[in-house]
């Protein structure tokens, strides 16, 4: 079984990751900041948006691929994949606009956590259900 849904969702996340990275690179170039953030608050936010993406998305995409390889329903895979992508766009837009509270940042974080938790719960359930069938 080829994990086609995970492949597409991961590919879309790679595009978003590159957009976030490009925002950091362009800001560094325009403001001549080589390493760190140079005390630039806008660059600090852009770096955090990019870093936060790198902290959560790889594990989520791994879970999605493993669930697909475990033959989880395509409806669940699409739901998780699209929810994760929406969550990360919301988070990037919210944190990118303000270092404080924003609806996008809150909603993106909450949806990311809910998606991760739901994927983990389904993974655990698949394992336990499979163990019961084998026993």
N, C-alpha and C. Protein backbone atom coordinates (compact mmCIF):
# COMPACT_ATOMS: atom_id res chain seq x y z
N UNK A 1 0.85 -1.19 0.00
CA UNK A 1 0.00 0.00 0.00
C UNK A 1 0.89 1.25 0.00
N UNK A 2 0.67 2.10 -0.93
CA UNK A 2 1.42 3.35 -1.02
C UNK A 2 0.66 4.43 -0.23
N UNK A 3 1.34 5.14 0.67
CA UNK A 3 0.66 6.18 1.46
C UNK A 3 0.45 7.46 0.66
N UNK A 4 -0.49 7.40 -0.27
CA UNK A 4 -0.72 8.51 -1.19
C UNK A 4 -1.28 9.76 -0.51
N UNK A 5 -2.20 9.59 0.41
CA UNK A 5 -2.79 10.75 1.09
C UNK A 5 -1.72 11.45 1.91
N UNK A 6 -0.95 10.68 2.68
CA UNK A 6 0.13 11.27 3.48
C UNK A 6 1.14 11.97 2.59
N UNK A 7 1.41 11.40 1.45
CA UNK A 7 2.37 12.00 0.51
C UNK A 7 1.89 13.37 0.07
N UNK A 8 0.63 13.49 -0.30
CA UNK A 8 0.10 14.79 -0.72
C UNK A 8 0.09 15.79 0.43
N UNK A 9 -0.40 15.36 1.59
CA UNK A 9 -0.47 16.25 2.74
C UNK A 9 0.94 16.70 3.14
N UNK A 10 1.89 15.78 3.17
CA UNK A 10 3.28 16.15 3.50
C UNK A 10 3.84 17.12 2.46
N UNK A 11 3.54 16.90 1.21
CA UNK A 11 4.03 17.79 0.15
C UNK A 11 3.48 19.20 0.33
N UNK A 12 2.22 19.32 0.69
CA UNK A 12 1.62 20.64 0.92
C UNK A 12 2.27 21.31 2.13
N UNK A 13 2.58 20.52 3.14
CA UNK A 13 3.26 21.08 4.31
C UNK A 13 4.69 21.53 3.97
N UNK A 14 5.35 20.81 3.10
CA UNK A 14 6.69 21.22 2.67
C UNK A 14 6.62 22.57 1.97
N UNK A 15 5.62 22.77 1.14
CA UNK A 15 5.46 24.06 0.45
C UNK A 15 5.26 25.17 1.49
N UNK A 16 4.40 24.94 2.48
CA UNK A 16 4.18 25.94 3.53
C UNK A 16 5.47 26.18 4.32
N UNK A 17 6.20 25.13 4.63
CA UNK A 17 7.47 25.26 5.35
C UNK A 17 8.45 26.13 4.57
N UNK A 18 8.53 25.92 3.28
CA UNK A 18 9.43 26.73 2.45
C UNK A 18 8.99 28.19 2.39
N UNK A 19 7.69 28.43 2.35
CA UNK A 19 7.19 29.81 2.38
C UNK A 19 7.62 30.48 3.69
N UNK A 20 7.45 29.78 4.80
CA UNK A 20 7.85 30.34 6.10
C UNK A 20 9.36 30.57 6.17
N UNK A 21 10.13 29.65 5.62
CA UNK A 21 11.59 29.80 5.60
C UNK A 21 11.99 30.99 4.73
N UNK A 22 11.34 31.12 3.60
CA UNK A 22 11.65 32.22 2.69
C UNK A 22 11.37 33.57 3.34
N UNK A 23 10.32 33.65 4.13
CA UNK A 23 10.02 34.89 4.85
C UNK A 23 11.17 35.28 5.78
N UNK A 24 11.76 34.28 6.44
CA UNK A 24 12.90 34.53 7.34
C UNK A 24 14.12 34.96 6.53
N UNK A 25 14.42 34.24 5.48
CA UNK A 25 15.59 34.53 4.65
C UNK A 25 15.50 35.93 4.04
N UNK A 26 14.36 36.26 3.48
CA UNK A 26 14.20 37.58 2.86
C UNK A 26 14.34 38.70 3.89
N UNK A 27 13.76 38.51 5.06
CA UNK A 27 13.86 39.52 6.13
C UNK A 27 15.32 39.69 6.54
N UNK A 28 16.03 38.58 6.69
CA UNK A 28 17.45 38.66 7.04
C UNK A 28 18.23 39.43 5.98
N UNK A 29 17.96 39.13 4.73
CA UNK A 29 18.69 39.80 3.64
C UNK A 29 18.39 41.29 3.58
N UNK A 30 17.14 41.65 3.69
CA UNK A 30 16.75 43.06 3.62
C UNK A 30 17.36 43.86 4.77
N UNK A 31 17.36 43.27 5.96
CA UNK A 31 17.82 43.98 7.15
C UNK A 31 19.27 43.65 7.54
N UNK A 32 19.93 42.86 6.69
CA UNK A 32 21.35 42.53 6.90
C UNK A 32 21.61 41.90 8.28
N UNK A 33 20.79 40.91 8.62
CA UNK A 33 20.94 40.18 9.89
C UNK A 33 21.38 38.77 9.54
N UNK A 34 22.62 38.44 9.90
CA UNK A 34 23.17 37.15 9.52
C UNK A 34 22.79 36.02 10.45
N UNK A 35 23.05 36.20 11.75
CA UNK A 35 22.81 35.15 12.73
C UNK A 35 21.94 35.72 13.84
N UNK A 36 21.06 34.88 14.38
CA UNK A 36 20.17 35.36 15.43
C UNK A 36 19.10 36.28 14.85
N UNK A 37 18.58 37.13 15.71
CA UNK A 37 17.52 38.03 15.25
C UNK A 37 17.95 39.50 15.29
N UNK A 38 19.14 39.77 15.80
CA UNK A 38 19.63 41.15 15.82
C UNK A 38 18.72 42.11 16.56
N UNK A 39 17.93 41.61 17.50
CA UNK A 39 17.01 42.48 18.25
C UNK A 39 15.79 42.90 17.45
N UNK A 40 15.61 42.34 16.27
CA UNK A 40 14.49 42.68 15.39
C UNK A 40 13.26 41.86 15.80
N UNK A 41 12.24 42.53 16.34
CA UNK A 41 11.04 41.84 16.84
C UNK A 41 10.28 41.12 15.73
N UNK A 42 10.22 41.72 14.57
CA UNK A 42 9.50 41.09 13.45
C UNK A 42 10.23 39.81 13.02
N UNK A 43 11.55 39.89 12.91
CA UNK A 43 12.32 38.70 12.55
C UNK A 43 12.18 37.63 13.63
N UNK A 44 12.17 38.02 14.88
CA UNK A 44 12.01 37.05 15.97
C UNK A 44 10.70 36.29 15.82
N UNK A 45 9.63 37.00 15.47
CA UNK A 45 8.33 36.33 15.26
C UNK A 45 8.39 35.40 14.06
N UNK A 46 9.00 35.84 12.97
CA UNK A 46 9.10 34.99 11.77
C UNK A 46 9.91 33.73 12.05
N UNK A 47 10.97 33.88 12.81
CA UNK A 47 11.79 32.73 13.19
C UNK A 47 10.98 31.77 14.05
N UNK A 48 10.19 32.29 14.99
CA UNK A 48 9.37 31.43 15.85
C UNK A 48 8.27 30.72 15.07
N UNK A 49 7.66 31.42 14.11
CA UNK A 49 6.63 30.78 13.28
C UNK A 49 7.25 29.60 12.54
N UNK A 50 8.39 29.83 11.93
CA UNK A 50 9.10 28.78 11.19
C UNK A 50 9.54 27.66 12.14
N UNK A 51 10.10 28.03 13.28
CA UNK A 51 10.56 27.03 14.25
C UNK A 51 9.42 26.21 14.83
N UNK A 52 8.33 26.86 15.15
CA UNK A 52 7.18 26.16 15.72
C UNK A 52 6.65 25.14 14.72
N UNK A 53 6.61 25.51 13.47
CA UNK A 53 6.19 24.58 12.41
C UNK A 53 7.10 23.35 12.43
N UNK A 54 8.40 23.59 12.49
CA UNK A 54 9.37 22.50 12.50
C UNK A 54 9.31 21.63 13.74
N UNK A 55 8.76 22.17 14.82
CA UNK A 55 8.64 21.41 16.06
C UNK A 55 7.45 20.46 16.06
N UNK A 56 6.37 20.83 15.44
CA UNK A 56 5.14 20.03 15.52
C UNK A 56 4.82 19.22 14.27
N UNK A 57 5.09 19.77 13.12
CA UNK A 57 4.63 19.15 11.88
C UNK A 57 5.30 17.81 11.57
N UNK A 58 6.61 17.65 11.76
CA UNK A 58 7.20 16.34 11.41
C UNK A 58 6.55 15.17 12.14
N UNK A 59 6.33 15.31 13.44
CA UNK A 59 5.71 14.24 14.20
C UNK A 59 4.28 13.98 13.71
N UNK A 60 3.56 15.04 13.42
CA UNK A 60 2.19 14.89 12.93
C UNK A 60 2.16 14.18 11.58
N UNK A 61 3.09 14.52 10.70
CA UNK A 61 3.13 13.87 9.39
C UNK A 61 3.55 12.41 9.51
N UNK A 62 4.45 12.12 10.45
CA UNK A 62 4.83 10.73 10.69
C UNK A 62 3.61 9.93 11.16
N UNK A 63 2.86 10.50 12.10
CA UNK A 63 1.65 9.82 12.58
C UNK A 63 0.66 9.59 11.45
N UNK A 64 0.49 10.60 10.60
CA UNK A 64 -0.44 10.47 9.48
C UNK A 64 -0.01 9.33 8.56
N UNK A 65 1.27 9.27 8.23
CA UNK A 65 1.77 8.21 7.35
C UNK A 65 1.62 6.83 7.99
N UNK A 66 1.91 6.74 9.29
CA UNK A 66 1.77 5.46 9.98
C UNK A 66 0.31 5.02 10.03
N UNK A 67 -0.58 5.96 10.25
CA UNK A 67 -2.01 5.62 10.24
C UNK A 67 -2.44 5.15 8.86
N UNK A 68 -1.93 5.79 7.83
CA UNK A 68 -2.28 5.36 6.48
C UNK A 68 -1.74 3.96 6.21
N UNK A 69 -0.52 3.70 6.63
CA UNK A 69 0.06 2.36 6.46
C UNK A 69 -0.68 1.31 7.28
N UNK A 70 -1.33 1.74 8.37
CA UNK A 70 -2.13 0.84 9.20
C UNK A 70 -3.54 0.68 8.65
N UNK A 71 -3.77 1.22 7.46
CA UNK A 71 -5.06 1.07 6.76
C UNK A 71 -6.23 1.74 7.47
N UNK A 72 -5.96 2.89 8.09
CA UNK A 72 -7.03 3.69 8.69
C UNK A 72 -7.89 4.26 7.56
N UNK A 73 -9.14 4.44 7.81
CA UNK A 73 -10.08 4.96 6.83
C UNK A 73 -9.56 6.25 6.17
N UNK A 74 -9.75 6.33 4.86
CA UNK A 74 -9.30 7.53 4.14
C UNK A 74 -10.00 8.79 4.63
N UNK A 75 -11.22 8.65 5.11
CA UNK A 75 -11.93 9.82 5.64
C UNK A 75 -11.18 10.40 6.83
N UNK A 76 -10.69 9.53 7.72
CA UNK A 76 -9.91 10.00 8.86
C UNK A 76 -8.60 10.63 8.40
N UNK A 77 -7.94 10.01 7.46
CA UNK A 77 -6.66 10.54 6.96
C UNK A 77 -6.84 11.93 6.36
N UNK A 78 -7.86 12.10 5.53
CA UNK A 78 -8.12 13.42 4.93
C UNK A 78 -8.47 14.43 6.02
N UNK A 79 -9.28 14.02 6.97
CA UNK A 79 -9.67 14.92 8.06
C UNK A 79 -8.44 15.38 8.84
N UNK A 80 -7.60 14.45 9.24
CA UNK A 80 -6.40 14.80 9.99
C UNK A 80 -5.45 15.67 9.16
N UNK A 81 -5.24 15.28 7.92
CA UNK A 81 -4.29 16.01 7.07
C UNK A 81 -4.73 17.43 6.79
N UNK A 82 -5.99 17.60 6.46
CA UNK A 82 -6.51 18.94 6.17
C UNK A 82 -6.57 19.77 7.44
N UNK A 83 -6.99 19.15 8.55
CA UNK A 83 -7.04 19.88 9.83
C UNK A 83 -5.65 20.38 10.21
N UNK A 84 -4.64 19.54 10.03
CA UNK A 84 -3.28 19.94 10.36
C UNK A 84 -2.83 21.11 9.49
N UNK A 85 -3.11 21.03 8.20
CA UNK A 85 -2.71 22.11 7.30
C UNK A 85 -3.41 23.42 7.66
N UNK A 86 -4.70 23.36 7.93
CA UNK A 86 -5.45 24.56 8.33
C UNK A 86 -4.88 25.10 9.65
N UNK A 87 -4.60 24.19 10.58
CA UNK A 87 -4.06 24.61 11.87
C UNK A 87 -2.74 25.35 11.72
N UNK A 88 -1.88 24.84 10.87
CA UNK A 88 -0.57 25.45 10.71
C UNK A 88 -0.65 26.78 9.97
N UNK A 89 -1.57 26.91 9.04
CA UNK A 89 -1.77 28.20 8.36
C UNK A 89 -2.32 29.22 9.36
N UNK A 90 -3.31 28.81 10.15
CA UNK A 90 -3.88 29.70 11.16
C UNK A 90 -2.81 30.15 12.16
N UNK A 91 -2.00 29.21 12.62
CA UNK A 91 -0.96 29.53 13.59
C UNK A 91 0.06 30.49 12.99
N UNK A 92 0.49 30.21 11.78
CA UNK A 92 1.48 31.07 11.11
C UNK A 92 0.93 32.48 10.91
N UNK A 93 -0.31 32.58 10.49
CA UNK A 93 -0.91 33.90 10.28
C UNK A 93 -1.08 34.63 11.60
N UNK A 94 -1.54 33.93 12.62
CA UNK A 94 -1.77 34.56 13.92
C UNK A 94 -0.50 35.00 14.60
N UNK A 95 0.49 34.12 14.70
CA UNK A 95 1.74 34.48 15.35
C UNK A 95 2.55 35.44 14.49
N UNK A 96 2.42 35.31 13.19
CA UNK A 96 3.13 36.21 12.27
C UNK A 96 2.66 37.65 12.39
N UNK A 97 1.41 37.82 12.79
CA UNK A 97 0.85 39.17 12.89
C UNK A 97 1.09 39.82 14.25
N UNK A 98 1.20 38.99 15.30
CA UNK A 98 1.34 39.54 16.65
C UNK A 98 2.03 38.53 17.55
N UNK A 99 2.93 39.01 18.40
CA UNK A 99 3.59 38.10 19.34
C UNK A 99 2.70 37.81 20.54
N UNK A 100 1.63 38.55 20.68
CA UNK A 100 0.70 38.33 21.78
C UNK A 100 -0.42 37.40 21.35
N UNK A 101 -1.51 37.46 22.07
CA UNK A 101 -2.67 36.63 21.77
C UNK A 101 -3.27 37.01 20.43
N UNK A 102 -3.65 36.02 19.66
CA UNK A 102 -4.44 36.26 18.45
C UNK A 102 -5.34 35.05 18.23
N UNK A 103 -6.45 35.26 17.61
CA UNK A 103 -7.39 34.17 17.34
C UNK A 103 -6.72 33.11 16.48
N UNK A 104 -5.97 33.53 15.46
CA UNK A 104 -5.31 32.57 14.58
C UNK A 104 -4.30 31.71 15.31
N UNK A 105 -3.52 32.34 16.16
CA UNK A 105 -2.51 31.59 16.92
C UNK A 105 -3.19 30.61 17.87
N UNK A 106 -4.20 31.07 18.59
CA UNK A 106 -4.92 30.20 19.52
C UNK A 106 -5.60 29.05 18.79
N UNK A 107 -6.34 29.37 17.74
CA UNK A 107 -7.06 28.34 16.98
C UNK A 107 -6.10 27.36 16.33
N UNK A 108 -5.01 27.88 15.79
CA UNK A 108 -4.02 27.01 15.15
C UNK A 108 -3.36 26.06 16.14
N UNK A 109 -3.02 26.58 17.30
CA UNK A 109 -2.42 25.75 18.34
C UNK A 109 -3.40 24.69 18.82
N UNK A 110 -4.62 25.12 19.12
CA UNK A 110 -5.64 24.19 19.60
C UNK A 110 -5.93 23.09 18.57
N UNK A 111 -6.09 23.48 17.31
CA UNK A 111 -6.38 22.50 16.26
C UNK A 111 -5.19 21.56 16.05
N UNK A 112 -3.98 22.07 16.16
CA UNK A 112 -2.80 21.20 16.05
C UNK A 112 -2.80 20.17 17.17
N UNK A 113 -3.03 20.62 18.41
CA UNK A 113 -3.03 19.70 19.55
C UNK A 113 -4.16 18.67 19.45
N UNK A 114 -5.34 19.12 19.05
CA UNK A 114 -6.47 18.20 18.92
C UNK A 114 -6.18 17.15 17.84
N UNK A 115 -5.61 17.60 16.74
CA UNK A 115 -5.28 16.68 15.64
C UNK A 115 -4.24 15.66 16.08
N UNK A 116 -3.18 16.13 16.76
CA UNK A 116 -2.16 15.21 17.26
C UNK A 116 -2.75 14.20 18.24
N UNK A 117 -3.55 14.69 19.16
CA UNK A 117 -4.16 13.81 20.16
C UNK A 117 -5.09 12.79 19.51
N UNK A 118 -5.89 13.23 18.55
CA UNK A 118 -6.82 12.32 17.87
C UNK A 118 -6.05 11.26 17.07
N UNK A 119 -4.98 11.66 16.40
CA UNK A 119 -4.18 10.69 15.66
C UNK A 119 -3.53 9.68 16.61
N UNK A 120 -3.02 10.17 17.75
CA UNK A 120 -2.41 9.28 18.73
C UNK A 120 -3.45 8.30 19.28
N UNK A 121 -4.63 8.81 19.60
CA UNK A 121 -5.69 7.95 20.13
C UNK A 121 -6.09 6.89 19.12
N UNK A 122 -6.21 7.28 17.87
CA UNK A 122 -6.57 6.30 16.84
C UNK A 122 -5.45 5.29 16.64
N UNK A 123 -4.22 5.74 16.72
CA UNK A 123 -3.09 4.82 16.60
C UNK A 123 -3.07 3.80 17.73
N UNK A 124 -3.31 4.27 18.93
CA UNK A 124 -3.35 3.37 20.09
C UNK A 124 -4.52 2.40 19.95
N UNK A 125 -5.66 2.91 19.54
CA UNK A 125 -6.83 2.05 19.36
C UNK A 125 -6.57 0.98 18.30
N UNK A 126 -5.95 1.37 17.19
CA UNK A 126 -5.63 0.39 16.13
C UNK A 126 -4.70 -0.69 16.66
N UNK A 127 -3.73 -0.29 17.47
CA UNK A 127 -2.80 -1.27 18.03
C UNK A 127 -3.54 -2.24 18.95
N UNK A 128 -4.32 -1.70 19.87
CA UNK A 128 -5.04 -2.54 20.83
C UNK A 128 -6.04 -3.44 20.11
N UNK A 129 -6.79 -2.90 19.17
CA UNK A 129 -7.76 -3.70 18.43
C UNK A 129 -7.07 -4.81 17.63
N UNK A 130 -5.91 -4.48 17.05
CA UNK A 130 -5.15 -5.49 16.31
C UNK A 130 -4.60 -6.57 17.22
N UNK A 131 -4.20 -6.17 18.43
CA UNK A 131 -3.66 -7.13 19.40
C UNK A 131 -4.77 -8.09 19.86
N UNK A 132 -5.98 -7.58 19.97
CA UNK A 132 -7.11 -8.42 20.41
C UNK A 132 -7.46 -9.45 19.33
N UNK A 133 -7.35 -9.05 18.08
CA UNK A 133 -7.67 -9.96 16.98
C UNK A 133 -6.62 -11.08 16.90
N UNK A 134 -5.35 -10.71 17.10
CA UNK A 134 -4.26 -11.69 17.02
C UNK A 134 -4.34 -12.69 18.18
N UNK A 135 -4.68 -12.19 19.36
CA UNK A 135 -4.72 -13.04 20.56
C UNK A 135 -5.90 -13.96 20.48
